[in-house]
Amino acid sequence: MTFFPTVLAIGVGATIGASMRYYLTVFINSIFGHGFPYGTLSANVLGSFLAGIFVVIILEKAMLNEVYRLLLLVGLTGSLTTMSTLSWESVEMISMGHYEQAGLNILLNIVLSLSAVGVGVVLARYLLGQ
């Protein structure tokens, strides 16, 4: 793919992913409050789950065109998940002396996100008959 179609595919996916992250975070925080970054955790777990599904569909099953990989994996799930916000929120907790909460935040994000990718891959392979 040439430069502009690549940028366009990633940009469209990133716009959708960032918007999903924003509204998901607002929604989750309205339910659980702001005492813990549940919104970021939810976005990271959902994005990781979707990435697991997309990897199977795009790369293993349908072997879709490169534009779909860029749009869905790089743009959408890359923008939906957010390592920078996880890092910032954790450092903020540490600076306020909330070490246990920061550790829990980091642990939950890593363990649940990795698990979500695995579940997404297994689920997609099962549903698509491998």
N, C-alpha and C. Protein backbone atom coordinates (compact mmCIF):
# COMPACT_ATOMS: atom_id res chain seq x y z
N MET A 1 0.84 -1.19 0.00
CA MET A 1 0.00 0.00 0.00
C MET A 1 0.88 1.24 0.00
N THR A 2 0.40 2.25 -0.66
CA THR A 2 1.14 3.50 -0.68
C THR A 2 0.83 4.31 0.57
N PHE A 3 1.51 5.41 0.73
CA PHE A 3 1.48 6.21 1.96
C PHE A 3 0.07 6.69 2.31
N PHE A 4 -0.61 7.35 1.41
CA PHE A 4 -1.90 7.97 1.74
C PHE A 4 -3.01 6.95 2.06
N PRO A 5 -3.15 5.88 1.30
CA PRO A 5 -4.14 4.88 1.70
C PRO A 5 -3.83 4.24 3.06
N THR A 6 -2.54 4.07 3.36
CA THR A 6 -2.15 3.53 4.66
C THR A 6 -2.55 4.48 5.77
N VAL A 7 -2.21 5.74 5.62
CA VAL A 7 -2.57 6.76 6.63
C VAL A 7 -4.09 6.86 6.78
N LEU A 8 -4.79 6.80 5.67
CA LEU A 8 -6.25 6.89 5.72
C LEU A 8 -6.85 5.69 6.46
N ALA A 9 -6.39 4.49 6.16
CA ALA A 9 -6.91 3.29 6.83
C ALA A 9 -6.64 3.34 8.33
N ILE A 10 -5.43 3.67 8.71
CA ILE A 10 -5.08 3.76 10.13
C ILE A 10 -5.88 4.89 10.79
N GLY A 11 -5.99 6.02 10.11
CA GLY A 11 -6.70 7.17 10.66
C GLY A 11 -8.18 6.90 10.91
N VAL A 12 -8.83 6.23 9.97
CA VAL A 12 -10.25 5.90 10.15
C VAL A 12 -10.41 4.96 11.34
N GLY A 13 -9.59 3.92 11.40
CA GLY A 13 -9.65 2.99 12.54
C GLY A 13 -9.36 3.68 13.85
N ALA A 14 -8.34 4.56 13.86
CA ALA A 14 -7.96 5.26 15.09
C ALA A 14 -9.06 6.21 15.56
N THR A 15 -9.73 6.85 14.63
CA THR A 15 -10.84 7.74 14.98
C THR A 15 -11.96 6.95 15.66
N ILE A 16 -12.28 5.81 15.11
CA ILE A 16 -13.32 4.97 15.70
C ILE A 16 -12.87 4.44 17.07
N GLY A 17 -11.65 3.95 17.15
CA GLY A 17 -11.13 3.41 18.41
C GLY A 17 -11.03 4.44 19.51
N ALA A 18 -10.54 5.62 19.20
CA ALA A 18 -10.42 6.68 20.21
C ALA A 18 -11.80 7.13 20.68
N SER A 19 -12.74 7.21 19.76
CA SER A 19 -14.10 7.59 20.14
C SER A 19 -14.73 6.52 21.02
N MET A 20 -14.52 5.26 20.67
CA MET A 20 -15.02 4.16 21.50
C MET A 20 -14.42 4.23 22.89
N ARG A 21 -13.11 4.46 22.97
CA ARG A 21 -12.43 4.54 24.27
C ARG A 21 -13.01 5.66 25.11
N TYR A 22 -13.20 6.82 24.52
CA TYR A 22 -13.73 7.96 25.25
C TYR A 22 -15.12 7.67 25.81
N TYR A 23 -16.03 7.21 24.96
CA TYR A 23 -17.40 6.98 25.41
C TYR A 23 -17.50 5.78 26.35
N LEU A 24 -16.70 4.75 26.13
CA LEU A 24 -16.68 3.62 27.05
C LEU A 24 -16.19 4.07 28.43
N THR A 25 -15.14 4.88 28.47
CA THR A 25 -14.60 5.38 29.73
C THR A 25 -15.62 6.24 30.46
N VAL A 26 -16.28 7.13 29.74
CA VAL A 26 -17.32 7.97 30.34
C VAL A 26 -18.43 7.10 30.92
N PHE A 27 -18.87 6.11 30.15
CA PHE A 27 -19.95 5.23 30.58
C PHE A 27 -19.54 4.42 31.82
N ILE A 28 -18.39 3.77 31.76
CA ILE A 28 -17.93 2.94 32.88
C ILE A 28 -17.71 3.79 34.13
N ASN A 29 -17.11 4.96 33.98
CA ASN A 29 -16.88 5.83 35.13
C ASN A 29 -18.19 6.35 35.72
N SER A 30 -19.22 6.49 34.90
CA SER A 30 -20.51 6.93 35.42
C SER A 30 -21.15 5.83 36.27
N ILE A 31 -20.80 4.59 36.00
CA ILE A 31 -21.33 3.47 36.78
C ILE A 31 -20.50 3.24 38.04
N PHE A 32 -19.18 3.18 37.89
CA PHE A 32 -18.29 2.79 38.99
C PHE A 32 -17.61 3.95 39.70
N GLY A 33 -17.72 5.15 39.16
CA GLY A 33 -17.07 6.31 39.77
C GLY A 33 -15.63 6.46 39.33
N HIS A 34 -14.95 7.41 39.96
CA HIS A 34 -13.59 7.76 39.56
C HIS A 34 -12.53 7.32 40.57
N GLY A 35 -12.91 6.47 41.53
CA GLY A 35 -11.96 6.03 42.55
C GLY A 35 -10.88 5.11 42.03
N PHE A 36 -11.14 4.45 40.94
CA PHE A 36 -10.19 3.55 40.29
C PHE A 36 -10.42 3.68 38.79
N PRO A 37 -9.37 3.57 37.99
CA PRO A 37 -9.53 3.78 36.53
C PRO A 37 -10.18 2.59 35.82
N TYR A 38 -11.42 2.31 36.18
CA TYR A 38 -12.15 1.21 35.55
C TYR A 38 -12.38 1.46 34.05
N GLY A 39 -12.53 2.71 33.66
CA GLY A 39 -12.75 3.03 32.25
C GLY A 39 -11.58 2.63 31.39
N THR A 40 -10.39 2.95 31.82
CA THR A 40 -9.18 2.58 31.09
C THR A 40 -9.02 1.07 31.06
N LEU A 41 -9.25 0.43 32.20
CA LEU A 41 -9.17 -1.02 32.28
C LEU A 41 -10.15 -1.66 31.29
N SER A 42 -11.37 -1.16 31.26
CA SER A 42 -12.39 -1.70 30.34
C SER A 42 -11.97 -1.52 28.88
N ALA A 43 -11.45 -0.35 28.55
CA ALA A 43 -11.02 -0.09 27.17
C ALA A 43 -9.87 -1.02 26.78
N ASN A 44 -8.92 -1.22 27.69
CA ASN A 44 -7.79 -2.09 27.38
C ASN A 44 -8.21 -3.55 27.22
N VAL A 45 -9.11 -4.01 28.09
CA VAL A 45 -9.56 -5.40 28.00
C VAL A 45 -10.41 -5.61 26.73
N LEU A 46 -11.35 -4.70 26.47
CA LEU A 46 -12.17 -4.81 25.27
C LEU A 46 -11.32 -4.75 24.00
N GLY A 47 -10.40 -3.79 23.94
CA GLY A 47 -9.53 -3.66 22.77
C GLY A 47 -8.67 -4.89 22.56
N SER A 48 -8.17 -5.46 23.64
CA SER A 48 -7.36 -6.68 23.54
C SER A 48 -8.20 -7.86 23.06
N PHE A 49 -9.41 -7.98 23.58
CA PHE A 49 -10.33 -9.03 23.14
C PHE A 49 -10.61 -8.91 21.65
N LEU A 50 -10.93 -7.69 21.21
CA LEU A 50 -11.19 -7.47 19.78
C LEU A 50 -9.95 -7.77 18.94
N ALA A 51 -8.78 -7.40 19.44
CA ALA A 51 -7.54 -7.68 18.70
C ALA A 51 -7.36 -9.18 18.51
N GLY A 52 -7.65 -9.96 19.55
CA GLY A 52 -7.56 -11.41 19.43
C GLY A 52 -8.49 -11.95 18.35
N ILE A 53 -9.71 -11.45 18.32
CA ILE A 53 -10.68 -11.87 17.30
C ILE A 53 -10.21 -11.43 15.92
N PHE A 54 -9.80 -10.18 15.79
CA PHE A 54 -9.38 -9.65 14.49
C PHE A 54 -8.16 -10.38 13.93
N VAL A 55 -7.22 -10.75 14.79
CA VAL A 55 -6.04 -11.47 14.32
C VAL A 55 -6.45 -12.76 13.63
N VAL A 56 -7.36 -13.49 14.25
CA VAL A 56 -7.80 -14.76 13.66
C VAL A 56 -8.54 -14.51 12.35
N ILE A 57 -9.47 -13.56 12.38
CA ILE A 57 -10.27 -13.31 11.18
C ILE A 57 -9.41 -12.77 10.04
N ILE A 58 -8.61 -11.77 10.33
CA ILE A 58 -7.87 -11.08 9.28
C ILE A 58 -6.66 -11.88 8.80
N LEU A 59 -5.90 -12.44 9.73
CA LEU A 59 -4.65 -13.07 9.34
C LEU A 59 -4.75 -14.58 9.11
N GLU A 60 -5.67 -15.26 9.81
CA GLU A 60 -5.73 -16.71 9.69
C GLU A 60 -6.86 -17.21 8.80
N LYS A 61 -8.03 -16.66 8.98
CA LYS A 61 -9.22 -17.21 8.31
C LYS A 61 -9.49 -16.56 6.96
N ALA A 62 -9.83 -15.31 7.00
CA ALA A 62 -10.24 -14.63 5.78
C ALA A 62 -9.06 -14.13 4.97
N MET A 63 -7.89 -13.99 5.62
CA MET A 63 -6.70 -13.45 4.98
C MET A 63 -7.07 -12.21 4.16
N LEU A 64 -7.64 -11.26 4.88
CA LEU A 64 -8.15 -10.05 4.25
C LEU A 64 -7.02 -9.14 3.78
N ASN A 65 -7.37 -8.22 2.96
CA ASN A 65 -6.45 -7.23 2.42
C ASN A 65 -5.76 -6.46 3.55
N GLU A 66 -4.57 -5.98 3.29
CA GLU A 66 -3.76 -5.22 4.24
C GLU A 66 -4.52 -4.04 4.83
N VAL A 67 -5.42 -3.45 4.08
CA VAL A 67 -6.16 -2.28 4.57
C VAL A 67 -6.98 -2.64 5.81
N TYR A 68 -7.52 -3.85 5.88
CA TYR A 68 -8.30 -4.26 7.04
C TYR A 68 -7.42 -4.46 8.27
N ARG A 69 -6.23 -4.99 8.06
CA ARG A 69 -5.29 -5.15 9.17
C ARG A 69 -4.92 -3.78 9.74
N LEU A 70 -4.64 -2.85 8.85
CA LEU A 70 -4.27 -1.51 9.29
C LEU A 70 -5.43 -0.81 9.98
N LEU A 71 -6.61 -0.89 9.39
CA LEU A 71 -7.78 -0.21 9.94
C LEU A 71 -8.18 -0.81 11.29
N LEU A 72 -8.30 -2.13 11.37
CA LEU A 72 -8.83 -2.77 12.58
C LEU A 72 -7.78 -3.04 13.65
N LEU A 73 -6.64 -3.58 13.28
CA LEU A 73 -5.63 -3.92 14.28
C LEU A 73 -4.77 -2.74 14.69
N VAL A 74 -4.25 -2.02 13.72
CA VAL A 74 -3.38 -0.90 14.05
C VAL A 74 -4.20 0.31 14.49
N GLY A 75 -5.19 0.68 13.70
CA GLY A 75 -5.98 1.87 14.00
C GLY A 75 -6.97 1.69 15.14
N LEU A 76 -7.96 0.83 14.94
CA LEU A 76 -9.04 0.70 15.92
C LEU A 76 -8.57 0.15 17.27
N THR A 77 -8.00 -1.05 17.28
CA THR A 77 -7.61 -1.61 18.59
C THR A 77 -6.40 -0.89 19.18
N GLY A 78 -5.53 -0.38 18.32
CA GLY A 78 -4.40 0.39 18.83
C GLY A 78 -4.83 1.68 19.50
N SER A 79 -5.90 2.26 19.02
CA SER A 79 -6.40 3.51 19.58
C SER A 79 -7.38 3.26 20.73
N LEU A 80 -8.08 2.15 20.68
CA LEU A 80 -9.01 1.80 21.77
C LEU A 80 -8.24 1.45 23.03
N THR A 81 -7.17 0.69 22.89
CA THR A 81 -6.34 0.37 24.05
C THR A 81 -5.40 1.54 24.31
N THR A 82 -4.95 1.68 25.56
CA THR A 82 -4.19 2.87 25.88
C THR A 82 -3.15 2.63 26.95
N MET A 83 -1.95 2.35 26.53
CA MET A 83 -0.84 2.17 27.45
C MET A 83 -0.45 3.50 28.10
N SER A 84 -0.55 4.58 27.35
CA SER A 84 -0.15 5.88 27.90
C SER A 84 -1.06 6.30 29.05
N THR A 85 -2.36 6.08 28.93
CA THR A 85 -3.27 6.44 30.02
C THR A 85 -3.06 5.53 31.21
N LEU A 86 -2.86 4.23 30.97
CA LEU A 86 -2.56 3.31 32.07
C LEU A 86 -1.31 3.78 32.81
N SER A 87 -0.29 4.15 32.08
CA SER A 87 0.96 4.60 32.70
C SER A 87 0.74 5.88 33.49
N TRP A 88 0.08 6.85 32.90
CA TRP A 88 -0.15 8.13 33.57
C TRP A 88 -0.99 7.94 34.84
N GLU A 89 -2.07 7.16 34.75
CA GLU A 89 -2.92 6.95 35.93
C GLU A 89 -2.16 6.23 37.03
N SER A 90 -1.32 5.29 36.66
CA SER A 90 -0.54 4.55 37.65
C SER A 90 0.50 5.44 38.32
N VAL A 91 1.19 6.25 37.54
CA VAL A 91 2.17 7.18 38.11
C VAL A 91 1.48 8.20 39.02
N GLU A 92 0.30 8.64 38.63
CA GLU A 92 -0.47 9.56 39.47
C GLU A 92 -0.82 8.91 40.81
N MET A 93 -1.24 7.66 40.79
CA MET A 93 -1.54 6.93 42.03
C MET A 93 -0.31 6.80 42.90
N ILE A 94 0.82 6.47 42.29
CA ILE A 94 2.07 6.33 43.03
C ILE A 94 2.46 7.66 43.66
N SER A 95 2.34 8.74 42.92
CA SER A 95 2.72 10.05 43.44
C SER A 95 1.84 10.49 44.61
N MET A 96 0.62 9.94 44.68
CA MET A 96 -0.28 10.26 45.79
C MET A 96 -0.13 9.24 46.93
N GLY A 97 0.82 8.31 46.79
CA GLY A 97 1.06 7.33 47.83
C GLY A 97 0.14 6.13 47.81
N HIS A 98 -0.60 5.95 46.74
CA HIS A 98 -1.52 4.82 46.61
C HIS A 98 -0.81 3.67 45.87
N TYR A 99 0.20 3.13 46.52
CA TYR A 99 1.05 2.13 45.88
C TYR A 99 0.30 0.84 45.57
N GLU A 100 -0.51 0.37 46.51
CA GLU A 100 -1.26 -0.87 46.29
C GLU A 100 -2.25 -0.71 45.14
N GLN A 101 -2.92 0.44 45.09
CA GLN A 101 -3.89 0.70 44.04
C GLN A 101 -3.20 0.77 42.67
N ALA A 102 -2.04 1.40 42.62
CA ALA A 102 -1.28 1.47 41.37
C ALA A 102 -0.83 0.08 40.94
N GLY A 103 -0.34 -0.71 41.88
CA GLY A 103 0.08 -2.07 41.56
C GLY A 103 -1.08 -2.91 41.05
N LEU A 104 -2.23 -2.77 41.71
CA LEU A 104 -3.42 -3.50 41.27
C LEU A 104 -3.85 -3.06 39.87
N ASN A 105 -3.78 -1.76 39.62
CA ASN A 105 -4.14 -1.23 38.31
C ASN A 105 -3.25 -1.83 37.22
N ILE A 106 -1.95 -1.83 37.45
CA ILE A 106 -1.01 -2.37 36.47
C ILE A 106 -1.23 -3.86 36.28
N LEU A 107 -1.36 -4.58 37.38
CA LEU A 107 -1.55 -6.03 37.32
C LEU A 107 -2.84 -6.39 36.59
N LEU A 108 -3.94 -5.75 36.95
CA LEU A 108 -5.23 -6.05 36.30
C LEU A 108 -5.19 -5.76 34.81
N ASN A 109 -4.60 -4.62 34.43
CA ASN A 109 -4.53 -4.27 33.02
C ASN A 109 -3.73 -5.29 32.23
N ILE A 110 -2.61 -5.70 32.76
CA ILE A 110 -1.75 -6.64 32.03
C ILE A 110 -2.38 -8.03 31.98
N VAL A 111 -2.79 -8.55 33.14
CA VAL A 111 -3.33 -9.91 33.19
C VAL A 111 -4.65 -10.01 32.42
N LEU A 112 -5.55 -9.07 32.66
CA LEU A 112 -6.86 -9.14 31.99
C LEU A 112 -6.75 -8.88 30.49
N SER A 113 -5.88 -7.96 30.09
CA SER A 113 -5.72 -7.69 28.65
C SER A 113 -5.10 -8.88 27.92
N LEU A 114 -4.06 -9.47 28.51
CA LEU A 114 -3.46 -10.66 27.89
C LEU A 114 -4.46 -11.81 27.84
N SER A 115 -5.21 -11.97 28.91
CA SER A 115 -6.24 -13.01 28.93
C SER A 115 -7.31 -12.75 27.88
N ALA A 116 -7.69 -11.49 27.72
CA ALA A 116 -8.73 -11.13 26.75
C ALA A 116 -8.28 -11.43 25.32
N VAL A 117 -7.02 -11.19 25.00
CA VAL A 117 -6.51 -11.54 23.67
C VAL A 117 -6.62 -13.04 23.47
N GLY A 118 -6.20 -13.80 24.46
CA GLY A 118 -6.27 -15.26 24.36
C GLY A 118 -7.70 -15.76 24.19
N VAL A 119 -8.62 -15.20 24.96
CA VAL A 119 -10.03 -15.59 24.85
C VAL A 119 -10.56 -15.22 23.47
N GLY A 120 -10.20 -14.04 22.99
CA GLY A 120 -10.64 -13.62 21.66
C GLY A 120 -10.15 -14.56 20.57
N VAL A 121 -8.89 -14.96 20.65
CA VAL A 121 -8.32 -15.88 19.65
C VAL A 121 -9.03 -17.23 19.72
N VAL A 122 -9.17 -17.77 20.93
CA VAL A 122 -9.80 -19.08 21.09
C VAL A 122 -11.26 -19.03 20.63
N LEU A 123 -11.97 -17.99 21.02
CA LEU A 123 -13.38 -17.85 20.64
C LEU A 123 -13.54 -17.74 19.12
N ALA A 124 -12.71 -16.90 18.51
CA ALA A 124 -12.80 -16.73 17.05
C ALA A 124 -12.47 -18.02 16.32
N ARG A 125 -11.44 -18.74 16.77
CA ARG A 125 -11.09 -20.01 16.14
C ARG A 125 -12.21 -21.03 16.31
N TYR A 126 -12.81 -21.06 17.48
CA TYR A 126 -13.92 -21.98 17.73
C TYR A 126 -15.12 -21.65 16.84
N LEU A 127 -15.50 -20.38 16.82
CA LEU A 127 -16.67 -19.97 16.05
C LEU A 127 -16.46 -20.09 14.54
N LEU A 128 -15.20 -19.95 14.12
CA LEU A 128 -14.91 -20.03 12.69
C LEU A 128 -14.45 -21.42 12.27
N GLY A 129 -14.50 -22.37 13.19
CA GLY A 129 -14.30 -23.76 12.84
C GLY A 129 -12.89 -24.25 12.66
N GLN A 130 -11.97 -23.81 13.49
CA GLN A 130 -10.62 -24.38 13.38
C GLN A 130 -10.38 -25.33 14.52
